[in-house]
Amino acid sequence: MTTPTRERVAHLSTTFPALTGLRAVASVAVVVTHVAYWTGRYQTDTIGLFWARLDSGVALFFALSGFLLFRPWISRLVDEAPYPATGRYAWNRILRIIPAYWIVVAFGLALVDSQTGNGVSGIVRHLTLTQIYGSGHLHGGLTQTWSLATEIAFYALLPLLGWFVVCVVCRRTWRPARILVFLSAMCLLNFAYYVLAYHLDGISPSSLMWLPGFLSWFAVGMALTVIVAMARTNDGWARRLLAIAADSPVACWIAALALLALASTPMAGVPSLYQESAGTAITRNVLYAGMAFLMMIPLVTDRPNLMQRALSWSPMQWLGTISYELFLVHVMLLELAMHLLGFETFTGSMLLGFIVTMAISVPAAWALYRVLDAPLRHFHR
């Protein structure tokens, strides 16, 4: 007879293929928003704000990281698994992130003209992912890597967060309510950080790209990990919530689009990372977090549903597999696409710009993935 502990282990080790497909959605959204910016479609009207708000793909990436990477610490509590090995965790993150990133940085620094992020300082900052700490350090063609630098900061903090949750918040006992309260506190810290950033003099504008300004997006994914574990250890309200999501996956995504539509109004501020007030920055942050949660929850249920099947479709899986490489190369190749099409900056057809950018970027991303896949598998072993 299978013991309850083994059942929990099996449940918590379940993979979620549809989340790979969601990475494809997130990466394409980021490409679209950057094409919209380069072709001058960032405007204050509703459609212009909608294109700008597709930067919410970053919120999806952060929430996915929170969900997937926090799971080993939840497993430590639920089924008394060993503590995650920090060295192995760090090595896995380095192998997945750094080699492809350094290759793209080398090409970007060598081939793209830029007014900022040059010289020895620019090289060192980009190689060490510290280009967001201080103004004027992002190099052209690599500007999107601000979010990668923020995510790396989360990777570095996560072992400490995980230890704190297990040993201090829960005292080594499965207490999901305490974890959810702690994650709520992370969100409040995020909002307090915005208030400070917008009201204290002398704070660098680049501070709006730092990890404290995005804790809530990671916390949403971490909370969903807790909810999944609660449901699979027979917690009533969590099981009902996931059952509702499994029965109404399209409704969840429609609700997520409704939040995106709300974000595409002046209530969420101007079409820029730098908002005019803490209030609009917090509003946008909350709307993006809610959107990410609603899009993810039908994908992590035990019962297959329409959205799981759609995102598990092999082309979506393939694109999701190379989504990180697509994220790395697309801004540099977008500049090339603009040149090939003869478009001046902030002019041209957004649709044509998107088609050409994807036509160039997807093969390049695939090639980068293929070149590194076998060596990285070897080093991983």
Protein backbone atom coordinates (compact mmCIF):
# COMPACT_ATOMS: atom_id res chain seq x y z
CA MET A 1 0.00 0.00 0.00
CA THR A 2 1.28 3.48 -0.87
CA THR A 3 1.92 5.56 2.20
CA PRO A 4 0.51 9.10 2.49
CA THR A 5 4.02 10.50 2.57
CA ARG A 6 4.91 8.87 -0.74
CA GLU A 7 1.69 10.15 -2.23
CA ARG A 8 2.60 13.68 -1.20
CA VAL A 9 6.11 13.27 -2.62
CA ALA A 10 4.66 12.09 -5.92
CA HIS A 11 2.24 15.02 -6.01
CA LEU A 12 4.84 17.66 -5.19
CA SER A 13 7.27 16.29 -7.78
CA THR A 14 4.65 16.60 -10.52
CA THR A 15 5.79 18.55 -13.55
CA PHE A 16 3.64 21.17 -15.22
CA PRO A 17 4.25 21.12 -19.00
CA ALA A 18 1.72 23.87 -19.63
CA LEU A 19 3.95 26.30 -17.72
CA THR A 20 6.56 25.86 -20.46
CA GLY A 21 3.91 26.93 -22.96
CA LEU A 22 3.14 29.91 -20.74
CA ARG A 23 6.78 30.95 -21.08
CA ALA A 24 6.16 31.14 -24.83
CA VAL A 25 3.21 33.47 -24.22
CA ALA A 26 5.29 35.65 -21.91
CA SER A 27 8.23 35.89 -24.31
CA VAL A 28 6.04 36.81 -27.29
CA ALA A 29 4.27 39.46 -25.18
CA VAL A 30 7.66 41.02 -24.36
CA VAL A 31 8.65 41.00 -28.04
CA VAL A 32 5.36 42.66 -29.02
CA THR A 33 5.71 45.42 -26.44
CA HIS A 34 9.25 46.22 -27.57
CA VAL A 35 8.26 46.28 -31.24
CA ALA A 36 5.41 48.62 -30.28
CA TYR A 37 7.87 50.92 -28.55
CA TRP A 38 10.34 50.97 -31.43
CA THR A 39 7.64 51.65 -34.01
CA GLY A 40 6.10 54.49 -32.01
CA ARG A 41 2.96 52.70 -30.84
CA TYR A 42 3.46 53.53 -27.17
CA GLN A 43 0.74 56.15 -26.73
CA THR A 44 -1.59 57.34 -23.98
CA ASP A 45 -4.70 56.13 -25.81
CA THR A 46 -6.19 52.74 -24.91
CA ILE A 47 -4.60 50.70 -27.69
CA GLY A 48 -1.22 52.36 -27.14
CA LEU A 49 -1.39 51.60 -23.44
CA PHE A 50 -2.41 48.02 -24.23
CA TRP A 51 0.74 47.45 -26.31
CA ALA A 52 2.79 48.99 -23.50
CA ARG A 53 1.12 46.79 -20.88
CA LEU A 54 2.28 43.65 -22.64
CA ASP A 55 5.44 44.20 -20.64
CA SER A 56 3.37 42.20 -18.14
CA GLY A 57 5.15 39.24 -19.72
CA VAL A 58 7.93 40.09 -17.25
CA ALA A 59 5.47 39.60 -14.38
CA LEU A 60 4.67 36.15 -15.78
CA PHE A 61 8.36 35.24 -15.90
CA PHE A 62 8.87 36.40 -12.30
CA ALA A 63 5.78 34.55 -11.04
CA LEU A 64 6.89 31.38 -12.84
CA SER A 65 10.29 31.61 -11.17
CA GLY A 66 8.65 32.06 -7.77
CA PHE A 67 6.39 29.05 -8.32
CA LEU A 68 8.99 26.62 -9.66
CA LEU A 69 12.00 27.54 -7.56
CA PHE A 70 10.21 27.77 -4.20
CA ARG A 71 8.81 24.22 -4.48
CA PRO A 72 11.81 22.41 -2.91
CA TRP A 73 11.40 24.35 0.35
CA ILE A 74 7.69 23.57 0.42
CA SER A 75 8.55 19.91 -0.19
CA ARG A 76 10.92 20.13 2.78
CA LEU A 77 7.95 21.04 4.97
CA VAL A 78 5.26 18.82 3.47
CA ASP A 79 7.08 15.53 3.03
CA GLU A 80 10.25 16.12 5.08
CA ALA A 81 12.47 16.06 2.02
CA PRO A 82 16.09 17.12 2.54
CA TYR A 83 16.92 20.78 2.45
CA PRO A 84 17.68 21.94 -1.10
CA ALA A 85 21.43 21.91 -1.71
CA THR A 86 22.39 25.56 -2.16
CA GLY A 87 25.47 24.66 -4.23
CA ARG A 88 23.50 22.52 -6.66
CA TYR A 89 20.75 25.14 -6.85
CA ALA A 90 23.28 27.87 -7.64
CA TRP A 91 25.08 25.70 -10.20
CA ASN A 92 21.82 24.90 -12.01
CA ARG A 93 20.87 28.59 -12.17
CA ILE A 94 24.33 29.58 -13.42
CA LEU A 95 24.33 26.95 -16.14
CA ARG A 96 20.87 27.94 -17.36
CA ILE A 97 21.39 31.70 -17.28
CA ILE A 98 25.00 32.77 -17.67
CA PRO A 99 26.51 31.05 -20.77
CA ALA A 100 23.79 32.18 -23.21
CA TYR A 101 23.67 35.59 -21.55
CA TRP A 102 27.42 36.17 -21.87
CA ILE A 103 27.35 35.22 -25.56
CA VAL A 104 24.56 37.71 -26.25
CA VAL A 105 26.29 40.40 -24.19
CA ALA A 106 29.47 39.92 -26.23
CA PHE A 107 27.57 40.39 -29.48
CA GLY A 108 25.57 43.31 -28.13
CA LEU A 109 28.60 45.21 -26.84
CA ALA A 110 30.54 44.56 -30.04
CA LEU A 111 27.86 45.22 -32.66
CA VAL A 112 25.32 47.71 -31.29
CA ASP A 113 26.10 51.40 -31.08
CA SER A 114 25.03 52.90 -27.78
CA GLN A 115 25.30 56.14 -25.89
CA THR A 116 25.41 54.33 -22.55
CA GLY A 117 26.85 51.16 -21.06
CA ASN A 118 30.21 51.43 -22.85
CA GLY A 119 33.83 50.96 -21.85
CA VAL A 120 35.31 48.68 -19.24
CA SER A 121 32.62 49.65 -16.76
CA GLY A 122 29.89 48.68 -19.21
CA ILE A 123 31.51 45.33 -19.90
CA VAL A 124 32.01 44.50 -16.22
CA ARG A 125 28.53 45.60 -15.24
CA HIS A 126 26.82 43.59 -17.96
CA LEU A 127 28.88 40.47 -17.35
CA THR A 128 28.10 40.64 -13.63
CA LEU A 129 24.45 41.65 -14.14
CA THR A 130 24.92 44.84 -12.13
CA GLN A 131 23.97 47.24 -14.92
CA ILE A 132 20.78 48.32 -13.12
CA TYR A 133 22.59 49.66 -10.07
CA GLY A 134 23.04 53.27 -11.07
CA SER A 135 21.78 55.26 -14.04
CA GLY A 136 23.16 55.16 -17.58
CA HIS A 137 24.70 51.69 -17.58
CA LEU A 138 22.34 49.79 -19.89
CA HIS A 139 23.84 49.24 -23.34
CA GLY A 140 21.73 49.49 -26.48
CA GLY A 141 20.45 46.12 -27.69
CA LEU A 142 20.67 44.81 -24.11
CA THR A 143 18.23 47.14 -22.35
CA GLN A 144 15.76 44.32 -21.65
CA THR A 145 18.36 42.63 -19.43
CA TRP A 146 17.35 44.89 -16.56
CA SER A 147 14.70 42.29 -15.68
CA LEU A 148 17.26 39.49 -15.82
CA ALA A 149 19.45 41.39 -13.35
CA THR A 150 16.42 41.71 -11.07
CA GLU A 151 15.64 38.00 -11.41
CA ILE A 152 19.22 37.07 -10.58
CA ALA A 153 18.88 39.08 -7.38
CA PHE A 154 15.82 36.96 -6.53
CA TYR A 155 17.76 33.76 -7.27
CA ALA A 156 20.46 34.88 -4.85
CA LEU A 157 17.94 35.78 -2.14
CA LEU A 158 15.74 32.68 -2.47
CA PRO A 159 17.85 30.23 -0.38
CA LEU A 160 17.74 32.71 2.49
CA LEU A 161 14.00 33.22 2.02
CA GLY A 162 13.45 29.47 1.88
CA TRP A 163 15.46 28.89 5.06
CA PHE A 164 13.57 31.70 6.82
CA VAL A 165 10.20 30.26 5.83
CA VAL A 166 11.11 26.71 6.92
CA CYS A 167 12.98 27.47 10.12
CA VAL A 168 11.53 30.75 11.40
CA VAL A 169 8.07 31.21 9.91
CA CYS A 170 7.01 27.55 10.13
CA ARG A 171 9.47 26.21 12.73
CA ARG A 172 10.05 23.17 10.51
CA THR A 173 6.37 22.22 10.54
CA TRP A 174 3.93 22.48 7.62
CA ARG A 175 1.98 25.65 8.44
CA PRO A 176 0.74 27.03 5.11
CA ALA A 177 -1.30 29.87 6.62
CA ARG A 178 1.88 31.33 8.12
CA ILE A 179 3.65 31.14 4.76
CA LEU A 180 0.81 32.95 3.02
CA VAL A 181 0.91 35.68 5.66
CA PHE A 182 4.67 35.99 5.14
CA LEU A 183 4.21 36.26 1.36
CA SER A 184 1.55 38.92 1.91
CA ALA A 185 4.12 40.82 3.97
CA MET A 186 6.52 40.58 1.01
CA CYS A 187 3.86 42.27 -1.13
CA LEU A 188 3.38 45.03 1.44
CA LEU A 189 7.15 45.53 1.52
CA ASN A 190 7.04 45.90 -2.27
CA PHE A 191 4.39 48.63 -2.01
CA ALA A 192 6.22 50.41 0.81
CA TYR A 193 9.33 50.42 -1.33
CA TYR A 194 7.45 52.26 -4.08
CA VAL A 195 6.29 54.89 -1.59
CA LEU A 196 9.87 55.44 -0.46
CA ALA A 197 11.28 55.47 -3.99
CA TYR A 198 8.83 58.13 -5.11
CA HIS A 199 8.99 60.34 -2.03
CA LEU A 200 12.61 60.32 -0.85
CA ASP A 201 15.06 62.70 -2.50
CA GLY A 202 18.36 61.45 -3.85
CA ILE A 203 17.23 57.93 -4.77
CA SER A 204 18.50 56.83 -8.19
CA PRO A 205 15.77 56.37 -10.84
CA SER A 206 17.33 52.98 -11.54
CA SER A 207 16.09 51.87 -8.11
CA LEU A 208 12.72 51.25 -9.75
CA MET A 209 14.35 48.29 -11.52
CA TRP A 210 15.63 46.70 -8.31
CA LEU A 211 14.22 43.54 -6.72
CA PRO A 212 12.20 45.22 -3.91
CA GLY A 213 9.98 46.82 -6.55
CA PHE A 214 8.89 43.41 -7.89
CA LEU A 215 8.67 41.20 -4.81
CA SER A 216 4.91 40.84 -5.22
CA TRP A 217 5.28 39.20 -8.65
CA PHE A 218 7.60 36.55 -7.24
CA ALA A 219 5.38 36.21 -4.16
CA VAL A 220 2.34 35.41 -6.33
CA GLY A 221 4.13 32.39 -7.81
CA MET A 222 5.41 31.32 -4.40
CA ALA A 223 1.88 31.56 -2.98
CA LEU A 224 0.56 29.39 -5.78
CA THR A 225 3.13 26.74 -4.87
CA VAL A 226 1.78 26.80 -1.32
CA ILE A 227 -1.82 26.51 -2.56
CA VAL A 228 -0.97 23.53 -4.76
CA ALA A 229 0.72 21.80 -1.82
CA MET A 230 -2.28 22.57 0.41
CA ALA A 231 -4.67 21.09 -2.14
CA ARG A 232 -2.58 17.94 -2.46
CA THR A 233 -2.50 17.49 1.31
CA ASN A 234 -6.30 17.65 1.44
CA ASP A 235 -6.80 21.26 2.49
CA GLY A 236 -10.43 22.01 1.71
CA TRP A 237 -10.44 25.59 0.42
CA ALA A 238 -7.29 25.10 -1.65
CA ARG A 239 -8.74 21.97 -3.30
CA ARG A 240 -11.95 23.86 -4.09
CA LEU A 241 -10.03 26.79 -5.55
CA LEU A 242 -8.00 24.56 -7.87
CA ALA A 243 -11.14 22.62 -8.81
CA ILE A 244 -12.85 25.86 -9.82
CA ALA A 245 -9.81 26.84 -11.89
CA ALA A 246 -9.75 23.41 -13.56
CA ASP A 247 -13.46 23.66 -14.40
CA SER A 248 -13.24 27.27 -15.66
CA PRO A 249 -9.81 27.77 -17.27
CA VAL A 250 -11.11 30.07 -20.01
CA ALA A 251 -12.91 32.19 -17.41
CA CYS A 252 -9.62 32.54 -15.51
CA TRP A 253 -7.87 33.79 -18.62
CA ILE A 254 -10.74 36.15 -19.48
CA ALA A 255 -10.46 37.58 -15.97
CA ALA A 256 -6.70 37.96 -16.51
CA LEU A 257 -7.36 39.84 -19.75
CA ALA A 258 -9.84 42.03 -17.88
CA LEU A 259 -7.08 43.00 -15.46
CA LEU A 260 -4.81 43.72 -18.43
CA ALA A 261 -7.57 45.91 -19.88
CA LEU A 262 -7.78 47.81 -16.59
CA ALA A 263 -4.02 48.26 -16.70
CA SER A 264 -4.47 49.71 -20.22
CA THR A 265 -6.22 52.75 -18.76
CA PRO A 266 -4.71 55.84 -17.12
CA MET A 267 -5.36 54.29 -13.68
CA ALA A 268 -2.14 52.28 -14.12
CA GLY A 269 -0.09 55.27 -15.21
CA VAL A 270 1.97 56.21 -18.22
CA PRO A 271 3.40 53.66 -20.68
CA SER A 272 6.78 53.47 -18.97
CA LEU A 273 8.62 51.61 -16.23
CA TYR A 274 8.94 54.97 -14.49
CA GLN A 275 5.52 56.01 -13.22
CA GLU A 276 4.40 59.48 -12.22
CA SER A 277 3.46 58.41 -8.69
CA ALA A 278 3.71 55.58 -6.22
CA GLY A 279 -0.04 55.07 -6.53
CA THR A 280 0.02 54.28 -10.23
CA ALA A 281 3.12 52.12 -9.80
CA ILE A 282 1.38 50.07 -7.09
CA THR A 283 -1.81 49.83 -9.16
CA ARG A 284 0.07 48.48 -12.16
CA ASN A 285 2.02 46.09 -9.95
CA VAL A 286 -1.16 44.67 -8.37
CA LEU A 287 -2.95 44.30 -11.71
CA TYR A 288 0.01 42.47 -13.25
CA ALA A 289 0.31 40.19 -10.20
CA GLY A 290 -3.37 39.30 -10.39
CA MET A 291 -3.12 38.65 -14.11
CA ALA A 292 -0.15 36.30 -13.61
CA PHE A 293 -1.97 34.39 -10.85
CA LEU A 294 -5.13 33.94 -12.95
CA MET A 295 -3.19 32.77 -15.99
CA MET A 296 -1.15 30.27 -13.99
CA ILE A 297 -3.72 28.68 -11.70
CA PRO A 298 -5.56 26.59 -14.34
CA LEU A 299 -2.20 25.24 -15.49
CA VAL A 300 -1.21 23.70 -12.14
CA THR A 301 -4.34 21.69 -11.40
CA ASP A 302 -4.41 17.88 -11.36
CA ARG A 303 -7.27 17.76 -13.86
CA PRO A 304 -6.36 18.42 -17.52
CA ASN A 305 -8.27 21.30 -19.04
CA LEU A 306 -8.46 23.35 -22.23
CA MET A 307 -5.69 25.81 -21.33
CA GLN A 308 -3.37 23.01 -20.27
CA ARG A 309 -3.91 21.20 -23.56
CA ALA A 310 -3.43 24.40 -25.58
CA LEU A 311 -0.15 25.32 -23.88
CA SER A 312 1.08 21.71 -23.97
CA TRP A 313 0.79 21.73 -27.78
CA SER A 314 4.20 20.84 -29.18
CA PRO A 315 4.87 24.18 -30.99
CA MET A 316 4.12 26.06 -27.75
CA GLN A 317 6.39 23.70 -25.84
CA TRP A 318 9.17 24.23 -28.36
CA LEU A 319 8.84 28.00 -28.25
CA GLY A 320 8.66 27.92 -24.47
CA THR A 321 11.85 25.87 -24.35
CA ILE A 322 13.76 28.59 -26.20
CA SER A 323 11.88 31.50 -24.56
CA TYR A 324 14.90 32.56 -22.51
CA GLU A 325 17.12 32.70 -25.59
CA LEU A 326 14.38 34.59 -27.46
CA PHE A 327 14.24 37.08 -24.62
CA LEU A 328 18.01 37.58 -24.82
CA VAL A 329 18.37 38.14 -28.56
CA HIS A 330 15.19 39.91 -29.62
CA VAL A 331 16.02 43.55 -28.78
CA MET A 332 19.34 43.44 -30.62
CA LEU A 333 17.67 41.77 -33.61
CA LEU A 334 14.73 44.19 -33.44
CA GLU A 335 17.21 46.97 -34.13
CA LEU A 336 18.47 44.95 -37.10
CA ALA A 337 14.90 44.44 -38.32
CA MET A 338 14.22 48.18 -38.14
CA HIS A 339 17.33 48.77 -40.24
CA LEU A 340 16.42 46.10 -42.79
CA LEU A 341 12.92 47.53 -43.17
CA GLY A 342 14.19 51.07 -43.49
CA PHE A 343 12.19 52.27 -40.48
CA GLU A 344 13.35 55.25 -38.51
CA THR A 345 13.07 54.94 -34.73
CA PHE A 346 9.47 55.39 -33.54
CA THR A 347 8.08 54.97 -37.05
CA GLY A 348 7.00 52.12 -39.32
CA SER A 349 4.53 49.24 -39.34
CA MET A 350 4.26 47.48 -36.00
CA LEU A 351 2.90 44.30 -37.62
CA LEU A 352 5.69 44.12 -40.19
CA GLY A 353 8.27 44.92 -37.52
CA PHE A 354 6.95 42.11 -35.34
CA ILE A 355 6.93 39.57 -38.19
CA VAL A 356 10.49 40.35 -39.27
CA THR A 357 11.78 40.49 -35.70
CA MET A 358 10.29 37.08 -34.90
CA ALA A 359 11.51 35.66 -38.22
CA ILE A 360 15.06 36.63 -37.27
CA SER A 361 14.94 36.11 -33.52
CA VAL A 362 13.32 32.67 -33.30
CA PRO A 363 15.97 30.89 -35.44
CA ALA A 364 18.72 32.77 -33.62
CA ALA A 365 17.27 31.74 -30.26
CA TRP A 366 16.96 28.14 -31.40
CA ALA A 367 20.56 28.11 -32.66
CA LEU A 368 21.82 29.56 -29.38
CA TYR A 369 19.89 26.95 -27.42
CA ARG A 370 21.13 24.10 -29.60
CA VAL A 371 24.76 25.20 -29.47
CA LEU A 372 24.73 25.31 -25.69
CA ASP A 373 22.32 22.46 -24.88
CA ALA A 374 24.72 19.50 -25.16
CA PRO A 375 27.69 21.14 -23.35
CA LEU A 376 25.44 22.36 -20.55
CA ARG A 377 23.89 18.93 -20.12
CA HIS A 378 27.44 17.55 -19.80
CA PHE A 379 28.40 20.12 -17.17
CA HIS A 380 25.12 19.52 -15.35
CA ARG A 381 25.91 15.81 -15.07
